[in-house]
Amino acid sequence: MGRPTDNPKDISLKIRLDNDTAKKLDECIEEIKVSKAEIVRRGIHKVHDDLKK
């Protein structure tokens, strides 16, 4: 088992990307130094926050 956490990530998501989007994702990973999953989570939060505006 992994480390204990207050926010377990127990839902898995599979997505399909075009080459341009995949390259942008890779650039984000290199620049920010976080995982693909973290980039996706941040993107979801950002879009959701924009819905409230």
N, C-alpha and C. Protein backbone atom coordinates (compact mmCIF):
# COMPACT_ATOMS: atom_id res chain seq x y z
N MET A 1 0.83 -1.19 0.00
CA MET A 1 0.00 0.00 0.00
C MET A 1 0.87 1.25 0.00
N GLY A 2 0.33 2.34 -0.53
CA GLY A 2 1.06 3.60 -0.57
C GLY A 2 0.97 4.35 0.74
N ARG A 3 1.44 5.56 0.70
CA ARG A 3 1.41 6.40 1.89
C ARG A 3 -0.02 6.78 2.25
N PRO A 4 -0.31 6.90 3.54
CA PRO A 4 -1.65 7.37 3.95
C PRO A 4 -1.87 8.81 3.48
N THR A 5 -3.11 9.13 3.14
CA THR A 5 -3.42 10.48 2.67
C THR A 5 -4.81 10.90 3.12
N ASP A 6 -5.00 12.19 3.24
CA ASP A 6 -6.31 12.72 3.57
C ASP A 6 -7.20 12.84 2.33
N ASN A 7 -6.59 12.71 1.15
CA ASN A 7 -7.32 12.86 -0.10
C ASN A 7 -6.93 11.74 -1.06
N PRO A 8 -7.44 10.52 -0.84
CA PRO A 8 -7.06 9.40 -1.71
C PRO A 8 -7.53 9.62 -3.14
N LYS A 9 -6.73 9.17 -4.09
CA LYS A 9 -7.05 9.27 -5.51
C LYS A 9 -7.44 7.87 -5.99
N ASP A 10 -8.69 7.48 -5.79
CA ASP A 10 -9.11 6.11 -6.09
C ASP A 10 -9.92 5.99 -7.37
N ILE A 11 -10.06 7.07 -8.13
CA ILE A 11 -10.77 7.03 -9.41
C ILE A 11 -9.75 7.14 -10.53
N SER A 12 -9.81 6.20 -11.46
CA SER A 12 -8.90 6.18 -12.59
C SER A 12 -9.61 6.73 -13.82
N LEU A 13 -8.88 7.45 -14.67
CA LEU A 13 -9.44 8.07 -15.86
C LEU A 13 -8.52 7.80 -17.04
N LYS A 14 -9.09 7.34 -18.13
CA LYS A 14 -8.31 7.12 -19.35
C LYS A 14 -8.80 8.12 -20.38
N ILE A 15 -7.88 8.86 -21.01
CA ILE A 15 -8.26 9.85 -22.01
C ILE A 15 -7.46 9.65 -23.28
N ARG A 16 -7.98 10.19 -24.36
CA ARG A 16 -7.29 10.17 -25.64
C ARG A 16 -6.96 11.60 -26.01
N LEU A 17 -5.72 11.83 -26.48
CA LEU A 17 -5.27 13.17 -26.84
C LEU A 17 -4.75 13.19 -28.26
N ASP A 18 -4.92 14.32 -28.94
CA ASP A 18 -4.27 14.49 -30.24
C ASP A 18 -2.81 14.89 -29.97
N ASN A 19 -2.00 14.86 -31.00
CA ASN A 19 -0.56 15.13 -30.83
C ASN A 19 -0.28 16.51 -30.27
N ASP A 20 -1.02 17.52 -30.73
CA ASP A 20 -0.79 18.89 -30.25
C ASP A 20 -1.08 19.01 -28.76
N THR A 21 -2.18 18.43 -28.31
CA THR A 21 -2.53 18.49 -26.89
C THR A 21 -1.53 17.71 -26.05
N ALA A 22 -1.08 16.56 -26.55
CA ALA A 22 -0.09 15.76 -25.82
C ALA A 22 1.23 16.52 -25.68
N LYS A 23 1.62 17.24 -26.72
CA LYS A 23 2.85 18.04 -26.65
C LYS A 23 2.71 19.16 -25.62
N LYS A 24 1.53 19.80 -25.58
CA LYS A 24 1.29 20.85 -24.59
C LYS A 24 1.35 20.27 -23.18
N LEU A 25 0.78 19.09 -23.00
CA LEU A 25 0.83 18.43 -21.69
C LEU A 25 2.28 18.15 -21.29
N ASP A 26 3.07 17.64 -22.22
CA ASP A 26 4.49 17.37 -21.94
C ASP A 26 5.24 18.65 -21.58
N GLU A 27 4.94 19.75 -22.27
CA GLU A 27 5.59 21.03 -21.96
C GLU A 27 5.23 21.48 -20.54
N CYS A 28 3.97 21.30 -20.16
CA CYS A 28 3.54 21.66 -18.81
C CYS A 28 4.29 20.83 -17.77
N ILE A 29 4.43 19.54 -18.03
CA ILE A 29 5.12 18.64 -17.11
C ILE A 29 6.57 19.08 -16.92
N GLU A 30 7.23 19.39 -18.02
CA GLU A 30 8.64 19.81 -17.95
C GLU A 30 8.80 21.13 -17.21
N GLU A 31 7.90 22.06 -17.47
CA GLU A 31 8.01 23.40 -16.88
C GLU A 31 7.67 23.41 -15.40
N ILE A 32 6.59 22.74 -15.03
CA ILE A 32 6.09 22.81 -13.66
C ILE A 32 6.66 21.69 -12.78
N LYS A 33 7.15 20.62 -13.42
CA LYS A 33 7.75 19.48 -12.68
C LYS A 33 6.73 18.75 -11.80
N VAL A 34 5.56 18.48 -12.36
CA VAL A 34 4.55 17.67 -11.68
C VAL A 34 4.07 16.58 -12.64
N SER A 35 3.28 15.65 -12.13
CA SER A 35 2.82 14.53 -12.94
C SER A 35 1.72 14.94 -13.92
N LYS A 36 1.48 14.07 -14.90
CA LYS A 36 0.37 14.29 -15.83
C LYS A 36 -0.94 14.40 -15.07
N ALA A 37 -1.12 13.52 -14.11
CA ALA A 37 -2.36 13.52 -13.33
C ALA A 37 -2.54 14.85 -12.60
N GLU A 38 -1.47 15.41 -12.08
CA GLU A 38 -1.57 16.68 -11.36
C GLU A 38 -1.92 17.82 -12.32
N ILE A 39 -1.37 17.79 -13.52
CA ILE A 39 -1.71 18.81 -14.52
C ILE A 39 -3.20 18.73 -14.84
N VAL A 40 -3.71 17.51 -15.03
CA VAL A 40 -5.13 17.32 -15.34
C VAL A 40 -5.99 17.80 -14.18
N ARG A 41 -5.62 17.44 -12.94
CA ARG A 41 -6.38 17.89 -11.77
C ARG A 41 -6.42 19.42 -11.69
N ARG A 42 -5.27 20.06 -11.90
CA ARG A 42 -5.23 21.52 -11.87
C ARG A 42 -6.09 22.13 -12.97
N GLY A 43 -6.06 21.51 -14.14
CA GLY A 43 -6.88 21.99 -15.25
C GLY A 43 -8.36 21.90 -14.94
N ILE A 44 -8.78 20.80 -14.34
CA ILE A 44 -10.18 20.63 -13.96
C ILE A 44 -10.59 21.69 -12.95
N HIS A 45 -9.74 21.93 -11.94
CA HIS A 45 -10.05 22.95 -10.94
C HIS A 45 -10.14 24.34 -11.58
N LYS A 46 -9.23 24.62 -12.52
CA LYS A 46 -9.23 25.93 -13.18
C LYS A 46 -10.50 26.14 -13.99
N VAL A 47 -10.89 25.15 -14.77
CA VAL A 47 -12.12 25.26 -15.56
C VAL A 47 -13.34 25.39 -14.64
N HIS A 48 -13.37 24.62 -13.57
CA HIS A 48 -14.50 24.68 -12.64
C HIS A 48 -14.58 26.06 -11.98
N ASP A 49 -13.44 26.60 -11.59
CA ASP A 49 -13.43 27.94 -10.99
C ASP A 49 -13.95 28.98 -11.98
N ASP A 50 -13.62 28.82 -13.26
CA ASP A 50 -14.08 29.76 -14.29
C ASP A 50 -15.60 29.68 -14.47
N LEU A 51 -16.19 28.52 -14.22
CA LEU A 51 -17.64 28.37 -14.32
C LEU A 51 -18.36 29.25 -13.31
N LYS A 52 -17.75 29.46 -12.18
CA LYS A 52 -18.36 30.22 -11.09
C LYS A 52 -18.31 31.73 -11.34
N LYS A 53 -17.51 32.17 -12.31
CA LYS A 53 -17.34 33.61 -12.56
C LYS A 53 -18.49 34.17 -13.36
